Amino acid sequence: MSWRGILGLVLLLAAVLSGWSAWKHRQLPAPAAAGAERSDYVMHDFELTALDKDGKESVTLRAPEMHRSPADESFSIATPLFLMPDAEGKYWQMRSKTGWLSAKGEELRLAGDVRGTSPDDAVRPTVFETQRLNVFPSDHLAVTDDDVRITQPGSILTGRGFETNLETKQYTIKSQVKSRYEPRSAR
């Protein structure tokens, strides 16, 4: 074999070794977390009614979109409307920008421009507004530690921290309470 053949063989062997070395030491992309952000199912434009342990309506949910997380089986909801019956079977309406529902439906978390409205034909129509609200349907309870504003005919209450029983229609503002009374004669 001539010196040119030997040189060609050495160069070929060097090229193969450098290619193999580059392939072996390349940076591999990090593996994607399996299912970490992916929903196992999505619902669009739906109405869902949940029953309590006695078979009575506990809450009805209407929303344009809901995603179920496979990790904890909870639900993320876009612009939800929750309808919660009171003792007379009339519905409180609760709206927000986003919502979260636990796997078994025992807790709802509403966030972003939360607005609760008493039933349409209530004796004292009531609207409460806050930025976050946790609702426990089986206990007919809604609570927040954020600022809240409660509007009723003739009065506006504001404060920090709020708890209401949707069945008995009783509520408590926890601190920094301010009231503005507007008698009917002033209107």
N, C-alpha and C. Protein backbone atom coordinates (compact mmCIF):
# COMPACT_ATOMS: atom_id res chain seq x y z
N MET A 1 0.85 -1.17 0.00
CA MET A 1 0.00 0.00 0.00
C MET A 1 0.90 1.24 0.00
N SER A 2 0.51 2.22 -0.75
CA SER A 2 1.32 3.42 -0.89
C SER A 2 1.05 4.36 0.30
N TRP A 3 1.95 5.35 0.40
CA TRP A 3 1.81 6.31 1.50
C TRP A 3 0.51 7.09 1.39
N ARG A 4 0.00 7.30 0.19
CA ARG A 4 -1.27 8.01 -0.01
C ARG A 4 -2.45 7.17 0.50
N GLY A 5 -2.43 5.89 0.29
CA GLY A 5 -3.49 4.98 0.77
C GLY A 5 -3.52 4.93 2.29
N ILE A 6 -2.32 4.88 2.89
CA ILE A 6 -2.23 4.85 4.35
C ILE A 6 -2.74 6.17 4.94
N LEU A 7 -2.35 7.27 4.33
CA LEU A 7 -2.80 8.58 4.79
C LEU A 7 -4.32 8.71 4.66
N GLY A 8 -4.88 8.22 3.57
CA GLY A 8 -6.33 8.26 3.37
C GLY A 8 -7.06 7.42 4.41
N LEU A 9 -6.50 6.22 4.75
CA LEU A 9 -7.09 5.35 5.76
C LEU A 9 -7.04 5.99 7.14
N VAL A 10 -5.94 6.65 7.48
CA VAL A 10 -5.79 7.34 8.77
C VAL A 10 -6.78 8.51 8.86
N LEU A 11 -6.90 9.27 7.77
CA LEU A 11 -7.85 10.39 7.77
C LEU A 11 -9.30 9.91 7.89
N LEU A 12 -9.63 8.79 7.23
CA LEU A 12 -10.97 8.22 7.32
C LEU A 12 -11.26 7.76 8.76
N LEU A 13 -10.27 7.08 9.37
CA LEU A 13 -10.42 6.61 10.75
C LEU A 13 -10.57 7.80 11.70
N ALA A 14 -9.81 8.88 11.51
CA ALA A 14 -9.91 10.09 12.35
C ALA A 14 -11.27 10.75 12.19
N ALA A 15 -11.79 10.79 10.96
CA ALA A 15 -13.12 11.38 10.72
C ALA A 15 -14.21 10.58 11.41
N VAL A 16 -14.13 9.25 11.33
CA VAL A 16 -15.13 8.39 11.98
C VAL A 16 -15.06 8.57 13.50
N LEU A 17 -13.87 8.57 14.08
CA LEU A 17 -13.73 8.74 15.54
C LEU A 17 -14.21 10.11 16.01
N SER A 18 -13.90 11.16 15.28
CA SER A 18 -14.34 12.50 15.70
C SER A 18 -15.87 12.63 15.57
N GLY A 19 -16.46 12.02 14.52
CA GLY A 19 -17.92 12.03 14.37
C GLY A 19 -18.60 11.26 15.49
N TRP A 20 -18.03 10.09 15.83
CA TRP A 20 -18.59 9.29 16.93
C TRP A 20 -18.49 10.04 18.26
N SER A 21 -17.35 10.70 18.50
CA SER A 21 -17.15 11.46 19.74
C SER A 21 -18.13 12.63 19.83
N ALA A 22 -18.31 13.33 18.73
CA ALA A 22 -19.26 14.46 18.71
C ALA A 22 -20.68 13.95 18.97
N TRP A 23 -21.06 12.84 18.38
CA TRP A 23 -22.40 12.25 18.57
C TRP A 23 -22.60 11.83 20.02
N LYS A 24 -21.61 11.22 20.61
CA LYS A 24 -21.70 10.71 21.98
C LYS A 24 -21.80 11.85 23.00
N HIS A 25 -21.15 12.98 22.76
CA HIS A 25 -21.10 14.08 23.72
C HIS A 25 -22.05 15.23 23.38
N ARG A 26 -22.99 15.01 22.51
CA ARG A 26 -23.95 16.07 22.16
C ARG A 26 -24.86 16.34 23.36
N GLN A 27 -25.45 17.56 23.39
CA GLN A 27 -26.38 17.91 24.47
C GLN A 27 -27.76 17.41 24.09
N LEU A 28 -28.33 16.61 24.96
CA LEU A 28 -29.66 16.09 24.72
C LEU A 28 -30.68 17.04 25.36
N PRO A 29 -31.82 17.27 24.72
CA PRO A 29 -32.85 18.11 25.35
C PRO A 29 -33.39 17.42 26.60
N ALA A 30 -33.72 18.25 27.59
CA ALA A 30 -34.28 17.70 28.83
C ALA A 30 -35.62 17.03 28.52
N PRO A 31 -35.86 15.88 29.09
CA PRO A 31 -37.14 15.22 28.82
C PRO A 31 -38.30 16.03 29.39
N ALA A 32 -39.36 16.10 28.63
CA ALA A 32 -40.55 16.84 29.08
C ALA A 32 -41.20 16.08 30.23
N ALA A 33 -41.68 16.84 31.20
CA ALA A 33 -42.37 16.22 32.33
C ALA A 33 -43.64 15.55 31.80
N ALA A 34 -43.76 14.29 32.06
CA ALA A 34 -44.89 13.53 31.52
C ALA A 34 -46.19 13.98 32.15
N GLY A 35 -47.03 14.65 31.35
CA GLY A 35 -48.37 15.03 31.80
C GLY A 35 -48.43 16.12 32.84
N ALA A 36 -47.32 16.82 33.11
CA ALA A 36 -47.33 17.81 34.18
C ALA A 36 -48.30 18.96 33.88
N GLU A 37 -48.35 19.41 32.66
CA GLU A 37 -49.19 20.55 32.31
C GLU A 37 -50.38 20.15 31.44
N ARG A 38 -50.43 18.93 31.07
CA ARG A 38 -51.44 18.49 30.12
C ARG A 38 -52.67 17.97 30.84
N SER A 39 -53.83 18.39 30.41
CA SER A 39 -55.09 17.93 30.99
C SER A 39 -55.42 16.55 30.44
N ASP A 40 -56.08 15.73 31.27
CA ASP A 40 -56.49 14.44 30.73
C ASP A 40 -57.83 14.54 30.01
N TYR A 41 -58.61 15.60 30.30
CA TYR A 41 -59.74 15.93 29.42
C TYR A 41 -60.15 17.37 29.60
N VAL A 42 -60.84 17.88 28.58
CA VAL A 42 -61.28 19.27 28.53
C VAL A 42 -62.76 19.28 28.17
N MET A 43 -63.52 20.16 28.83
CA MET A 43 -64.93 20.33 28.48
C MET A 43 -65.12 21.75 27.98
N HIS A 44 -65.97 21.91 26.96
CA HIS A 44 -66.26 23.22 26.39
C HIS A 44 -67.76 23.49 26.47
N ASP A 45 -68.12 24.75 26.79
CA ASP A 45 -69.51 25.21 26.81
C ASP A 45 -70.43 24.16 27.44
N PHE A 46 -70.37 24.05 28.73
CA PHE A 46 -71.08 22.98 29.43
C PHE A 46 -71.86 23.51 30.63
N GLU A 47 -72.73 22.68 31.15
CA GLU A 47 -73.43 22.90 32.42
C GLU A 47 -73.33 21.60 33.19
N LEU A 48 -72.90 21.69 34.44
CA LEU A 48 -72.69 20.52 35.28
C LEU A 48 -73.42 20.74 36.59
N THR A 49 -74.19 19.77 37.04
CA THR A 49 -74.90 19.87 38.31
C THR A 49 -74.37 18.80 39.25
N ALA A 50 -73.93 19.20 40.43
CA ALA A 50 -73.43 18.28 41.45
C ALA A 50 -74.47 18.11 42.54
N LEU A 51 -74.61 16.89 43.02
CA LEU A 51 -75.56 16.59 44.08
C LEU A 51 -74.82 16.38 45.39
N ASP A 52 -75.49 16.69 46.51
CA ASP A 52 -74.89 16.43 47.81
C ASP A 52 -75.11 14.97 48.19
N LYS A 53 -74.70 14.59 49.40
CA LYS A 53 -74.81 13.18 49.83
C LYS A 53 -76.25 12.70 49.94
N ASP A 54 -77.21 13.65 50.06
CA ASP A 54 -78.63 13.28 50.14
C ASP A 54 -79.31 13.28 48.77
N GLY A 55 -78.57 13.58 47.73
CA GLY A 55 -79.13 13.58 46.39
C GLY A 55 -79.78 14.89 45.98
N LYS A 56 -79.61 15.93 46.81
CA LYS A 56 -80.13 17.25 46.46
C LYS A 56 -79.07 18.04 45.70
N GLU A 57 -79.56 18.99 44.89
CA GLU A 57 -78.63 19.82 44.14
C GLU A 57 -77.76 20.63 45.10
N SER A 58 -76.45 20.50 44.93
CA SER A 58 -75.49 21.23 45.76
C SER A 58 -74.99 22.47 45.05
N VAL A 59 -74.64 22.31 43.77
CA VAL A 59 -74.12 23.42 42.99
C VAL A 59 -74.27 23.09 41.50
N THR A 60 -74.52 24.12 40.71
CA THR A 60 -74.53 23.98 39.25
C THR A 60 -73.45 24.89 38.71
N LEU A 61 -72.71 24.39 37.76
CA LEU A 61 -71.60 25.14 37.16
C LEU A 61 -71.85 25.28 35.67
N ARG A 62 -71.70 26.51 35.19
CA ARG A 62 -71.72 26.80 33.75
C ARG A 62 -70.42 27.51 33.42
N ALA A 63 -69.77 27.09 32.33
CA ALA A 63 -68.51 27.74 31.94
C ALA A 63 -68.19 27.42 30.49
N PRO A 64 -67.36 28.26 29.87
CA PRO A 64 -66.97 28.00 28.49
C PRO A 64 -65.88 26.92 28.37
N GLU A 65 -65.10 26.70 29.46
CA GLU A 65 -64.01 25.73 29.36
C GLU A 65 -63.58 25.25 30.74
N MET A 66 -63.31 23.94 30.84
CA MET A 66 -62.82 23.35 32.08
C MET A 66 -61.79 22.27 31.74
N HIS A 67 -60.66 22.27 32.46
CA HIS A 67 -59.60 21.29 32.27
C HIS A 67 -59.46 20.46 33.54
N ARG A 68 -59.26 19.16 33.39
CA ARG A 68 -59.05 18.28 34.54
C ARG A 68 -57.57 17.91 34.62
N SER A 69 -56.99 18.09 35.79
CA SER A 69 -55.58 17.76 36.02
C SER A 69 -55.48 16.28 36.41
N PRO A 70 -54.67 15.50 35.69
CA PRO A 70 -54.55 14.09 36.06
C PRO A 70 -53.79 13.88 37.36
N ALA A 71 -52.96 14.83 37.76
CA ALA A 71 -52.15 14.68 38.97
C ALA A 71 -53.00 14.60 40.23
N ASP A 72 -53.93 15.54 40.41
CA ASP A 72 -54.75 15.54 41.62
C ASP A 72 -56.25 15.47 41.32
N GLU A 73 -56.60 15.30 40.05
CA GLU A 73 -57.98 15.18 39.59
C GLU A 73 -58.83 16.42 39.88
N SER A 74 -58.16 17.58 40.05
CA SER A 74 -58.88 18.83 40.26
C SER A 74 -59.20 19.45 38.89
N PHE A 75 -60.01 20.50 38.92
CA PHE A 75 -60.47 21.13 37.69
C PHE A 75 -60.10 22.61 37.68
N SER A 76 -59.61 23.11 36.56
CA SER A 76 -59.37 24.54 36.36
C SER A 76 -60.45 25.03 35.40
N ILE A 77 -61.08 26.15 35.76
CA ILE A 77 -62.25 26.61 35.02
C ILE A 77 -62.06 28.04 34.56
N ALA A 78 -62.42 28.32 33.32
CA ALA A 78 -62.35 29.68 32.77
C ALA A 78 -63.72 30.33 32.93
N THR A 79 -63.74 31.54 33.44
CA THR A 79 -64.94 32.37 33.66
C THR A 79 -66.17 31.58 34.12
N PRO A 80 -66.06 30.95 35.29
CA PRO A 80 -67.18 30.13 35.76
C PRO A 80 -68.35 30.95 36.28
N LEU A 81 -69.53 30.34 36.20
CA LEU A 81 -70.74 30.83 36.85
C LEU A 81 -71.24 29.67 37.70
N PHE A 82 -71.20 29.85 39.02
CA PHE A 82 -71.71 28.84 39.94
C PHE A 82 -73.08 29.29 40.43
N LEU A 83 -74.03 28.38 40.39
CA LEU A 83 -75.37 28.62 40.90
C LEU A 83 -75.53 27.74 42.13
N MET A 84 -75.75 28.38 43.28
CA MET A 84 -75.85 27.64 44.54
C MET A 84 -77.22 27.87 45.16
N PRO A 85 -78.00 26.81 45.37
CA PRO A 85 -79.34 26.97 45.93
C PRO A 85 -79.28 27.33 47.42
N ASP A 86 -80.21 28.20 47.84
CA ASP A 86 -80.33 28.51 49.26
C ASP A 86 -81.41 27.60 49.86
N ALA A 87 -81.82 27.89 51.08
CA ALA A 87 -82.80 27.04 51.78
C ALA A 87 -84.14 26.96 51.04
N GLU A 88 -84.52 28.02 50.33
CA GLU A 88 -85.79 28.03 49.60
C GLU A 88 -85.64 27.49 48.17
N GLY A 89 -84.44 27.06 47.80
CA GLY A 89 -84.22 26.56 46.46
C GLY A 89 -83.99 27.65 45.42
N LYS A 90 -83.76 28.87 45.88
CA LYS A 90 -83.44 29.98 44.97
C LYS A 90 -81.92 30.06 44.86
N TYR A 91 -81.45 30.59 43.75
CA TYR A 91 -80.03 30.49 43.44
C TYR A 91 -79.22 31.75 43.67
N TRP A 92 -78.14 31.59 44.44
CA TRP A 92 -77.08 32.59 44.50
C TRP A 92 -76.22 32.37 43.27
N GLN A 93 -75.78 33.46 42.63
CA GLN A 93 -74.89 33.38 41.48
C GLN A 93 -73.51 33.86 41.88
N MET A 94 -72.48 33.09 41.54
CA MET A 94 -71.11 33.49 41.83
C MET A 94 -70.29 33.39 40.55
N ARG A 95 -69.70 34.53 40.17
CA ARG A 95 -68.91 34.62 38.94
C ARG A 95 -67.49 35.04 39.28
N SER A 96 -66.56 34.69 38.40
CA SER A 96 -65.17 35.13 38.54
C SER A 96 -64.44 34.92 37.22
N LYS A 97 -63.20 35.42 37.16
CA LYS A 97 -62.40 35.23 35.95
C LYS A 97 -61.92 33.79 35.84
N THR A 98 -61.48 33.22 36.97
CA THR A 98 -61.02 31.83 36.97
C THR A 98 -61.61 31.09 38.16
N GLY A 99 -61.59 29.79 38.06
CA GLY A 99 -62.07 28.96 39.15
C GLY A 99 -61.27 27.69 39.25
N TRP A 100 -61.30 27.09 40.42
CA TRP A 100 -60.66 25.81 40.67
C TRP A 100 -61.63 24.99 41.49
N LEU A 101 -61.78 23.73 41.16
CA LEU A 101 -62.70 22.84 41.84
C LEU A 101 -61.94 21.61 42.27
N SER A 102 -62.05 21.24 43.56
CA SER A 102 -61.34 20.07 44.05
C SER A 102 -61.92 18.80 43.41
N ALA A 103 -61.18 17.72 43.49
CA ALA A 103 -61.56 16.47 42.83
C ALA A 103 -62.93 15.97 43.26
N LYS A 104 -63.25 16.08 44.54
CA LYS A 104 -64.54 15.58 45.03
C LYS A 104 -65.60 16.67 45.12
N GLY A 105 -65.26 17.90 44.71
CA GLY A 105 -66.23 18.98 44.68
C GLY A 105 -66.53 19.60 46.03
N GLU A 106 -65.69 19.35 47.02
CA GLU A 106 -65.95 19.91 48.35
C GLU A 106 -65.44 21.34 48.50
N GLU A 107 -64.61 21.82 47.57
CA GLU A 107 -64.11 23.19 47.66
C GLU A 107 -64.02 23.82 46.27
N LEU A 108 -64.47 25.06 46.18
CA LEU A 108 -64.35 25.88 44.98
C LEU A 108 -63.48 27.07 45.33
N ARG A 109 -62.58 27.43 44.45
CA ARG A 109 -61.77 28.63 44.65
C ARG A 109 -62.01 29.54 43.45
N LEU A 110 -62.55 30.70 43.73
CA LEU A 110 -62.81 31.68 42.69
C LEU A 110 -61.77 32.79 42.80
N ALA A 111 -61.29 33.27 41.67
CA ALA A 111 -60.26 34.32 41.70
C ALA A 111 -60.48 35.30 40.55
N GLY A 112 -60.22 36.57 40.83
CA GLY A 112 -60.31 37.62 39.82
C GLY A 112 -61.72 38.14 39.65
N ASP A 113 -61.97 39.32 40.16
CA ASP A 113 -63.28 39.98 40.03
C ASP A 113 -64.43 39.07 40.42
N VAL A 114 -64.35 38.51 41.61
CA VAL A 114 -65.39 37.62 42.12
C VAL A 114 -66.62 38.45 42.49
N ARG A 115 -67.78 37.97 42.04
CA ARG A 115 -69.03 38.70 42.30
C ARG A 115 -70.11 37.67 42.67
N GLY A 116 -70.67 37.84 43.85
CA GLY A 116 -71.77 36.99 44.30
C GLY A 116 -73.05 37.80 44.34
N THR A 117 -74.12 37.26 43.78
CA THR A 117 -75.40 37.96 43.70
C THR A 117 -76.48 37.09 44.31
N SER A 118 -77.29 37.69 45.18
CA SER A 118 -78.38 36.95 45.82
C SER A 118 -79.43 36.59 44.77
N PRO A 119 -80.36 35.70 45.12
CA PRO A 119 -81.43 35.35 44.17
C PRO A 119 -82.18 36.59 43.69
N ASP A 120 -82.67 36.53 42.46
CA ASP A 120 -83.33 37.68 41.82
C ASP A 120 -84.47 38.27 42.64
N ASP A 121 -85.26 37.42 43.28
CA ASP A 121 -86.43 37.91 44.01
C ASP A 121 -86.19 38.01 45.52
N ALA A 122 -84.94 38.21 45.93
CA ALA A 122 -84.62 38.33 47.36
C ALA A 122 -85.27 39.58 47.95
N VAL A 123 -85.66 39.50 49.22
CA VAL A 123 -86.26 40.64 49.91
C VAL A 123 -85.26 41.80 49.96
N ARG A 124 -84.01 41.51 50.30
CA ARG A 124 -82.93 42.50 50.28
C ARG A 124 -81.88 42.04 49.29
N PRO A 125 -81.99 42.46 48.04
CA PRO A 125 -80.99 42.04 47.04
C PRO A 125 -79.59 42.41 47.52
N THR A 126 -78.68 41.46 47.42
CA THR A 126 -77.33 41.64 47.92
C THR A 126 -76.32 41.26 46.85
N VAL A 127 -75.27 42.08 46.75
CA VAL A 127 -74.15 41.78 45.85
C VAL A 127 -72.88 41.91 46.68
N PHE A 128 -72.01 40.90 46.63
CA PHE A 128 -70.71 41.05 47.27
C PHE A 128 -69.63 40.86 46.23
N GLU A 129 -68.56 41.66 46.40
CA GLU A 129 -67.45 41.66 45.44
C GLU A 129 -66.13 41.56 46.18
N THR A 130 -65.22 40.74 45.65
CA THR A 130 -63.89 40.57 46.20
C THR A 130 -62.98 40.05 45.10
N GLN A 131 -61.72 39.79 45.41
CA GLN A 131 -60.80 39.26 44.40
C GLN A 131 -60.59 37.75 44.53
N ARG A 132 -60.81 37.20 45.70
CA ARG A 132 -60.68 35.75 45.91
C ARG A 132 -61.80 35.29 46.83
N LEU A 133 -62.32 34.11 46.58
CA LEU A 133 -63.38 33.56 47.43
C LEU A 133 -63.29 32.04 47.41
N ASN A 134 -63.28 31.44 48.58
CA ASN A 134 -63.32 29.98 48.70
C ASN A 134 -64.73 29.61 49.12
N VAL A 135 -65.31 28.65 48.41
CA VAL A 135 -66.69 28.25 48.66
C VAL A 135 -66.70 26.76 49.01
N PHE A 136 -67.45 26.41 50.05
CA PHE A 136 -67.61 25.04 50.49
C PHE A 136 -69.09 24.68 50.36
N PRO A 137 -69.50 24.13 49.22
CA PRO A 137 -70.92 23.92 48.92
C PRO A 137 -71.67 23.08 49.94
N SER A 138 -71.07 22.03 50.46
CA SER A 138 -71.81 21.17 51.39
C SER A 138 -72.11 21.89 52.70
N ASP A 139 -71.29 22.88 53.05
CA ASP A 139 -71.52 23.66 54.27
C ASP A 139 -72.24 24.98 53.98
N HIS A 140 -72.53 25.26 52.71
CA HIS A 140 -73.17 26.51 52.27
C HIS A 140 -72.36 27.71 52.75
N LEU A 141 -71.04 27.60 52.70
CA LEU A 141 -70.14 28.59 53.27
C LEU A 141 -69.25 29.18 52.18
N ALA A 142 -69.05 30.51 52.24
CA ALA A 142 -68.12 31.21 51.35
C ALA A 142 -67.25 32.11 52.22
N VAL A 143 -65.92 32.06 52.02
CA VAL A 143 -65.00 32.84 52.86
C VAL A 143 -63.89 33.46 52.02
N THR A 144 -63.37 34.60 52.50
CA THR A 144 -62.18 35.23 51.92
C THR A 144 -61.48 36.03 53.01
N ASP A 145 -60.19 36.24 52.83
CA ASP A 145 -59.42 37.12 53.71
C ASP A 145 -59.12 38.44 53.01
N ASP A 146 -59.54 38.58 51.77
CA ASP A 146 -59.31 39.80 50.98
C ASP A 146 -60.34 40.88 51.32
N ASP A 147 -60.15 42.06 50.70
CA ASP A 147 -61.12 43.13 50.82
C ASP A 147 -62.43 42.70 50.19
N VAL A 148 -63.53 43.17 50.76
CA VAL A 148 -64.85 42.82 50.25
C VAL A 148 -65.76 44.04 50.28
N ARG A 149 -66.70 44.07 49.35
CA ARG A 149 -67.69 45.15 49.29
C ARG A 149 -69.06 44.49 49.17
N ILE A 150 -69.96 44.85 50.07
CA ILE A 150 -71.31 44.30 50.06
C ILE A 150 -72.29 45.44 49.81
N THR A 151 -73.07 45.30 48.77
CA THR A 151 -74.03 46.34 48.40
C THR A 151 -75.44 45.79 48.55
N GLN A 152 -76.26 46.54 49.29
CA GLN A 152 -77.68 46.23 49.46
C GLN A 152 -78.44 47.54 49.27
N PRO A 153 -79.73 47.47 49.01
CA PRO A 153 -80.48 48.73 48.86
C PRO A 153 -80.31 49.61 50.10
N GLY A 154 -79.80 50.81 49.90
CA GLY A 154 -79.64 51.77 50.99
C GLY A 154 -78.33 51.68 51.75
N SER A 155 -77.49 50.69 51.46
CA SER A 155 -76.23 50.61 52.22
C SER A 155 -75.12 49.93 51.43
N ILE A 156 -73.89 50.34 51.77
CA ILE A 156 -72.69 49.72 51.22
C ILE A 156 -71.76 49.44 52.39
N LEU A 157 -71.35 48.19 52.54
CA LEU A 157 -70.40 47.79 53.57
C LEU A 157 -69.11 47.39 52.89
N THR A 158 -67.99 47.84 53.46
CA THR A 158 -66.69 47.40 52.97
C THR A 158 -65.88 46.91 54.16
N GLY A 159 -64.92 46.07 53.91
CA GLY A 159 -64.08 45.56 54.98
C GLY A 159 -63.08 44.56 54.46
N ARG A 160 -62.39 43.96 55.39
CA ARG A 160 -61.36 42.96 55.05
C ARG A 160 -61.75 41.66 55.73
N GLY A 161 -61.81 40.60 54.93
CA GLY A 161 -62.21 39.30 55.44
C GLY A 161 -63.72 39.19 55.45
N PHE A 162 -64.22 38.06 55.01
CA PHE A 162 -65.67 37.91 54.83
C PHE A 162 -66.02 36.44 54.96
N GLU A 163 -67.15 36.19 55.59
CA GLU A 163 -67.67 34.83 55.69
C GLU A 163 -69.18 34.91 55.60
N THR A 164 -69.77 34.05 54.77
CA THR A 164 -71.22 34.05 54.65
C THR A 164 -71.75 32.63 54.58
N ASN A 165 -72.91 32.44 55.18
CA ASN A 165 -73.64 31.19 55.05
C ASN A 165 -74.73 31.45 54.02
N LEU A 166 -74.61 30.81 52.86
CA LEU A 166 -75.54 31.07 51.77
C LEU A 166 -76.93 30.52 52.05
N GLU A 167 -77.03 29.58 52.97
CA GLU A 167 -78.33 29.01 53.29
C GLU A 167 -79.10 29.90 54.26
N THR A 168 -78.42 30.39 55.30
CA THR A 168 -79.09 31.22 56.30
C THR A 168 -79.04 32.71 55.95
N LYS A 169 -78.24 33.07 54.95
CA LYS A 169 -78.08 34.45 54.49
C LYS A 169 -77.43 35.36 55.53
N GLN A 170 -76.66 34.79 56.44
CA GLN A 170 -75.93 35.56 57.44
C GLN A 170 -74.50 35.74 56.96
N TYR A 171 -73.94 36.91 57.22
CA TYR A 171 -72.57 37.15 56.84
C TYR A 171 -71.84 37.93 57.92
N THR A 172 -70.51 37.82 57.88
CA THR A 172 -69.65 38.50 58.83
C THR A 172 -68.49 39.13 58.06
N ILE A 173 -68.21 40.40 58.37
CA ILE A 173 -67.00 41.04 57.86
C ILE A 173 -66.03 41.06 59.03
N LYS A 174 -64.81 40.60 58.83
CA LYS A 174 -63.90 40.34 59.94
C LYS A 174 -63.18 41.56 60.49
N SER A 175 -62.78 42.53 59.63
CA SER A 175 -62.05 43.69 60.14
C SER A 175 -62.17 44.86 59.18
N GLN A 176 -61.74 46.04 59.65
CA GLN A 176 -61.71 47.28 58.87
C GLN A 176 -63.07 47.58 58.23
N VAL A 177 -64.11 47.40 58.99
CA VAL A 177 -65.47 47.56 58.48
C VAL A 177 -65.83 49.04 58.36
N LYS A 178 -66.38 49.40 57.21
CA LYS A 178 -66.89 50.75 56.98
C LYS A 178 -68.27 50.59 56.38
N SER A 179 -69.16 51.48 56.81
CA SER A 179 -70.53 51.40 56.32
C SER A 179 -70.96 52.76 55.80
N ARG A 180 -71.69 52.73 54.70
CA ARG A 180 -72.28 53.95 54.17
C ARG A 180 -73.77 53.68 54.03
N TYR A 181 -74.54 54.47 54.75
CA TYR A 181 -75.99 54.30 54.75
C TYR A 181 -76.62 55.39 53.90
N GLU A 182 -77.52 55.00 53.04
CA GLU A 182 -78.19 55.93 52.17
C GLU A 182 -79.70 55.71 52.32
N PRO A 183 -80.37 56.51 53.17
CA PRO A 183 -81.80 56.29 53.39
C PRO A 183 -82.60 56.51 52.11
N ARG A 184 -83.74 55.90 52.05
CA ARG A 184 -84.60 55.99 50.86
C ARG A 184 -84.98 57.44 50.56
N SER A 185 -85.16 58.26 51.59
CA SER A 185 -85.58 59.66 51.38
C SER A 185 -84.49 60.46 50.66
N ALA A 186 -83.23 60.02 50.77
CA ALA A 186 -82.12 60.74 50.13
C ALA A 186 -82.00 60.40 48.65
N ARG A 187 -82.68 59.37 48.21
CA ARG A 187 -82.56 58.98 46.80
C ARG A 187 -83.50 59.66 45.91
